[in-house]
């Protein structure tokens, strides 16, 4: 197992540390040669040493540590606009992680996971991220997004790009059938078969329900305090 231990050590020194440095500083300290060497280490362990299952378990370990340690902490204990912006930072970092991570383990996905009962790397990344990072905060996230949308509808200046990006994250989390990240203008974006179940169930449906309650409450106030013409203006 000395070879495997060496591969894992190289992976942590050559991939994880530079990647975490990039997330913290925005500076990429990984060179192509190091990345290529690590890629071939994965091939060597899978083929020559027949350790594909061990490499897959190690990949999942990295993924869990990243989501639980790095990402979950980013969105813990915040609410409102701060929650929404923390979520978008978390989601952006996650997409970069998955794109790099999948390239590193692409040989494993293509030749060992393709015909197994295990999820491919991007699919497993999305599953773990939803469980570890999104599920614990999904109620607060929904409320933060709802409140920003409502403030915008009331005429307040809000971050519409943040609203759009947050809604896109809901849509992306529902993708199925081998979702993957693809670079668009240098930025990783999720692609896959569209499934809007998460968007409908955890944002649109409760948002419409909250909106109906709010307008019912407001209409009672308008009817009680204003004349017919003023009420009709609100209805319009």
Protein backbone atom coordinates (compact mmCIF):
# COMPACT_ATOMS: atom_id res chain seq x y z
CA UNK A 1 0.00 0.00 0.00
CA UNK A 2 3.03 2.27 -0.08
CA UNK A 3 2.16 3.30 -3.63
CA UNK A 4 -1.37 4.27 -2.63
CA UNK A 5 -0.13 6.22 0.38
CA UNK A 6 2.24 8.08 -1.91
CA UNK A 7 -0.58 8.85 -4.37
CA UNK A 8 -2.81 10.18 -1.60
CA UNK A 9 0.00 12.32 -0.22
CA UNK A 10 0.67 13.74 -3.69
CA UNK A 11 -3.05 14.40 -4.17
CA UNK A 12 -3.31 16.35 -0.94
CA UNK A 13 -0.14 18.33 -1.52
CA UNK A 14 -0.55 18.86 -5.24
CA UNK A 15 -4.33 19.29 -5.57
CA UNK A 16 -6.13 19.99 -2.30
CA UNK A 17 -3.78 22.55 -0.78
CA UNK A 18 -3.44 24.59 -4.00
CA UNK A 19 -7.20 24.41 -4.54
CA UNK A 20 -8.02 25.62 -1.02
CA UNK A 21 -5.40 28.34 -1.48
CA UNK A 22 -7.23 29.41 -4.64
CA UNK A 23 -10.57 29.59 -2.83
CA UNK A 24 -9.05 31.72 -0.08
CA UNK A 25 -6.90 34.07 -2.17
CA UNK A 26 -8.13 33.77 -5.76
CA UNK A 27 -4.59 32.86 -6.82
CA UNK A 28 -4.04 29.62 -8.73
CA UNK A 29 -0.83 27.97 -7.50
CA UNK A 30 -1.28 24.62 -9.31
CA UNK A 31 0.69 24.12 -12.51
CA UNK A 32 -0.35 21.90 -15.40
CA UNK A 33 2.54 19.52 -14.88
CA UNK A 34 1.48 18.77 -11.30
CA UNK A 35 -2.13 18.27 -12.36
CA UNK A 36 -1.07 15.93 -15.17
CA UNK A 37 1.13 13.90 -12.83
CA UNK A 38 -1.75 13.48 -10.38
CA UNK A 39 -4.08 12.48 -13.19
CA UNK A 40 -1.69 9.71 -14.21
CA UNK A 41 -1.33 8.62 -10.58
CA UNK A 42 -5.08 7.94 -10.57
CA UNK A 43 -4.77 5.92 -13.80
CA UNK A 44 -1.85 3.95 -12.37
CA UNK A 45 -3.71 3.09 -9.17
CA UNK A 46 -6.87 2.10 -11.04
CA UNK A 47 -5.23 -0.02 -13.72
CA UNK A 48 -1.92 -1.38 -12.58
CA UNK A 49 -2.72 -1.77 -8.91
CA UNK A 50 -6.45 -2.51 -9.29
CA UNK A 51 -7.40 0.02 -6.61
CA UNK A 52 -10.30 1.75 -8.35
CA UNK A 53 -12.66 1.15 -5.39
CA UNK A 54 -10.07 2.48 -2.97
CA UNK A 55 -9.51 5.58 -5.11
CA UNK A 56 -13.28 6.11 -5.32
CA UNK A 57 -13.57 5.92 -1.53
CA UNK A 58 -10.73 8.40 -1.21
CA UNK A 59 -12.44 10.74 -3.71
CA UNK A 60 -15.65 10.58 -1.66
CA UNK A 61 -13.66 11.31 1.50
CA UNK A 62 -12.24 14.46 -0.09
CA UNK A 63 -15.72 15.45 -1.24
CA UNK A 64 -17.26 14.98 2.21
CA UNK A 65 -14.49 16.93 3.91
CA UNK A 66 -14.88 19.74 1.39
CA UNK A 67 -18.66 19.99 1.77
CA UNK A 68 -18.80 19.52 5.54
CA UNK A 69 -15.75 21.56 6.44
CA UNK A 70 -15.37 24.23 3.78
CA UNK A 71 -18.84 24.73 2.34
CA UNK A 72 -21.24 24.07 5.22
CA UNK A 73 -19.33 26.51 7.42
CA UNK A 74 -19.72 29.23 4.79
CA UNK A 75 -23.51 29.33 5.15
CA UNK A 76 -23.90 28.41 8.82
CA UNK A 77 -25.37 30.96 11.23
CA UNK A 78 -26.31 33.67 8.73
CA UNK A 79 -29.72 34.94 7.60
CA UNK A 80 -31.31 37.41 5.21
CA UNK A 81 -29.20 38.99 2.48
CA UNK A 82 -26.04 37.71 4.16
CA UNK A 83 -27.39 34.17 3.83
CA UNK A 84 -28.16 34.64 0.15
CA UNK A 85 -24.73 36.04 -0.67
CA UNK A 86 -22.99 33.35 1.41
CA UNK A 87 -24.96 30.71 -0.49
CA UNK A 88 -23.87 32.14 -3.84
CA UNK A 89 -20.21 32.18 -2.76
CA UNK A 90 -20.60 28.59 -1.59
CA UNK A 91 -22.32 27.52 -4.80
CA UNK A 92 -19.69 29.22 -6.96
CA UNK A 93 -16.82 27.56 -5.08
CA UNK A 94 -18.59 24.23 -5.31
CA UNK A 95 -18.90 24.45 -9.11
CA UNK A 96 -15.18 25.21 -9.43
CA UNK A 97 -14.39 22.30 -7.10
CA UNK A 98 -16.54 19.85 -9.05
CA UNK A 99 -15.08 20.91 -12.39
CA UNK A 100 -11.50 20.43 -11.18
CA UNK A 101 -12.34 17.33 -9.16
CA UNK A 102 -14.05 15.62 -12.07
CA UNK A 103 -11.09 16.31 -14.38
CA UNK A 104 -8.77 14.81 -11.79
CA UNK A 105 -10.85 11.62 -11.49
CA UNK A 106 -12.28 11.50 -15.03
CA UNK A 107 -10.50 8.22 -15.79
CA UNK A 108 -12.14 6.65 -12.75
CA UNK A 109 -15.59 7.86 -13.86
CA UNK A 110 -15.19 6.84 -17.48
CA UNK A 111 -13.70 3.37 -17.09
CA UNK A 112 -14.76 2.15 -13.64
CA UNK A 113 -17.95 3.91 -12.64
CA UNK A 114 -19.63 3.83 -16.06
CA UNK A 115 -20.84 0.24 -15.67
CA UNK A 116 -20.99 0.05 -11.89
CA UNK A 117 -23.79 0.82 -9.48
CA UNK A 118 -21.85 3.81 -8.14
CA UNK A 119 -22.58 7.39 -9.12
CA UNK A 120 -20.17 9.21 -11.38
CA UNK A 121 -18.09 11.94 -9.77
CA UNK A 122 -20.25 15.01 -10.68
CA UNK A 123 -23.48 13.23 -9.75
CA UNK A 124 -22.06 12.15 -6.39
CA UNK A 125 -20.72 15.66 -5.79
CA UNK A 126 -24.17 17.14 -6.34
CA UNK A 127 -25.83 14.56 -4.09
CA UNK A 128 -23.40 15.15 -1.22
CA UNK A 129 -23.54 18.93 -1.59
CA UNK A 130 -27.35 18.95 -1.38
CA UNK A 131 -27.30 16.75 1.70
CA UNK A 132 -24.47 18.45 3.60
CA UNK A 133 -24.74 22.09 2.52
CA UNK A 134 -28.20 22.85 1.16
CA UNK A 135 -30.58 20.72 3.23
CA UNK A 136 -29.59 22.19 6.64
CA UNK A 137 -30.16 25.77 5.45
CA UNK A 138 -32.79 25.40 2.75
CA UNK A 139 -35.56 27.06 4.81
CA UNK A 140 -33.46 30.13 5.64
CA UNK A 141 -32.21 30.29 2.07
CA UNK A 142 -35.74 30.23 0.67
CA UNK A 143 -36.85 32.99 3.04
CA UNK A 144 -33.84 35.13 2.17
CA UNK A 145 -34.54 34.76 -1.55
CA UNK A 146 -38.27 35.38 -1.09
CA UNK A 147 -37.69 38.54 0.92
CA UNK A 148 -35.23 39.98 -1.61
CA UNK A 149 -37.67 39.32 -4.46
CA UNK A 150 -40.51 40.95 -2.53
CA UNK A 151 -38.43 44.01 -1.73
CA UNK A 152 -37.60 44.35 -5.40
CA UNK A 153 -41.26 44.15 -6.33
CA UNK A 154 -41.97 46.91 -3.82
CA UNK A 155 -39.58 49.22 -5.63
CA UNK A 156 -36.51 48.76 -3.44
CA UNK A 157 -33.09 48.48 -5.04
CA UNK A 158 -32.02 44.83 -4.77
CA UNK A 159 -29.33 42.63 -6.27
CA UNK A 160 -31.20 41.14 -9.23
CA UNK A 161 -28.15 39.21 -10.40
CA UNK A 162 -28.08 37.46 -7.01
CA UNK A 163 -31.76 36.58 -7.35
CA UNK A 164 -31.21 35.13 -10.81
CA UNK A 165 -28.14 33.15 -9.71
CA UNK A 166 -29.93 31.74 -6.67
CA UNK A 167 -32.88 30.58 -8.76
CA UNK A 168 -30.46 28.98 -11.23
CA UNK A 169 -28.85 27.07 -8.35
CA UNK A 170 -32.25 25.56 -7.46
CA UNK A 171 -32.71 24.48 -11.05
CA UNK A 172 -29.20 23.02 -11.27
CA UNK A 173 -29.61 20.97 -8.09
CA UNK A 174 -32.44 19.07 -9.79
CA UNK A 175 -30.45 18.01 -12.86
CA UNK A 176 -30.36 14.28 -13.47
CA UNK A 177 -28.87 11.61 -15.78
CA UNK A 178 -25.16 12.28 -15.40
CA UNK A 179 -25.10 16.02 -14.70
CA UNK A 180 -21.74 17.66 -15.30
CA UNK A 181 -20.02 21.02 -15.28
CA UNK A 182 -19.05 22.74 -18.52
CA UNK A 183 -17.07 25.96 -18.89
CA UNK A 184 -19.02 28.97 -20.20
CA UNK A 185 -16.88 32.08 -20.60
CA UNK A 186 -14.37 30.52 -18.24
CA UNK A 187 -16.94 29.82 -15.51
CA UNK A 188 -18.17 26.27 -14.71
CA UNK A 189 -21.92 25.82 -15.18
CA UNK A 190 -24.01 22.73 -14.57
CA UNK A 191 -25.55 20.86 -17.50
CA UNK A 192 -27.78 17.81 -17.57
CA UNK A 193 -31.34 16.63 -18.11
CA UNK A 194 -33.68 19.25 -16.71
CA UNK A 195 -35.71 18.33 -13.65
CA UNK A 196 -37.38 21.24 -11.85
CA UNK A 197 -38.68 19.20 -8.91
CA UNK A 198 -36.36 20.88 -6.36
CA UNK A 199 -37.15 24.34 -7.74
CA UNK A 200 -40.91 23.73 -7.66
CA UNK A 201 -41.03 21.96 -4.31
CA UNK A 202 -38.60 24.06 -2.31
CA UNK A 203 -39.00 27.50 -3.83
CA UNK A 204 -41.81 28.17 -6.29
CA UNK A 205 -44.62 26.36 -4.47
CA UNK A 206 -43.93 27.85 -1.01
CA UNK A 207 -43.25 31.25 -2.60
CA UNK A 208 -46.65 31.30 -4.32
CA UNK A 209 -48.29 30.15 -1.09
CA UNK A 210 -46.58 32.93 0.91
CA UNK A 211 -47.52 35.49 -1.75
CA UNK A 212 -51.19 34.45 -1.68
CA UNK A 213 -51.28 34.79 2.11
CA UNK A 214 -49.62 38.20 1.95
CA UNK A 215 -52.06 39.55 -0.62
CA UNK A 216 -55.03 38.17 1.29
CA UNK A 217 -53.83 39.96 4.41
CA UNK A 218 -53.12 43.19 2.53
CA UNK A 219 -56.49 43.15 0.74
CA UNK A 220 -58.32 43.01 4.08
CA UNK A 221 -56.37 46.05 5.24
CA UNK A 222 -57.11 47.94 2.01
CA UNK A 223 -60.82 47.11 2.12
CA UNK A 224 -61.08 48.29 5.71
CA UNK A 225 -59.10 51.52 5.29
CA UNK A 226 -59.56 52.77 1.70
CA UNK A 227 -62.35 53.64 -0.73
CA UNK A 228 -63.25 51.59 -3.80
CA UNK A 229 -61.08 53.53 -6.28
CA UNK A 230 -57.97 53.33 -4.10
CA UNK A 231 -58.55 49.61 -3.55
CA UNK A 232 -58.82 48.99 -7.30
CA UNK A 233 -55.48 50.72 -7.81
CA UNK A 234 -53.87 48.20 -5.45
CA UNK A 235 -55.56 45.32 -7.25
CA UNK A 236 -54.20 46.51 -10.57
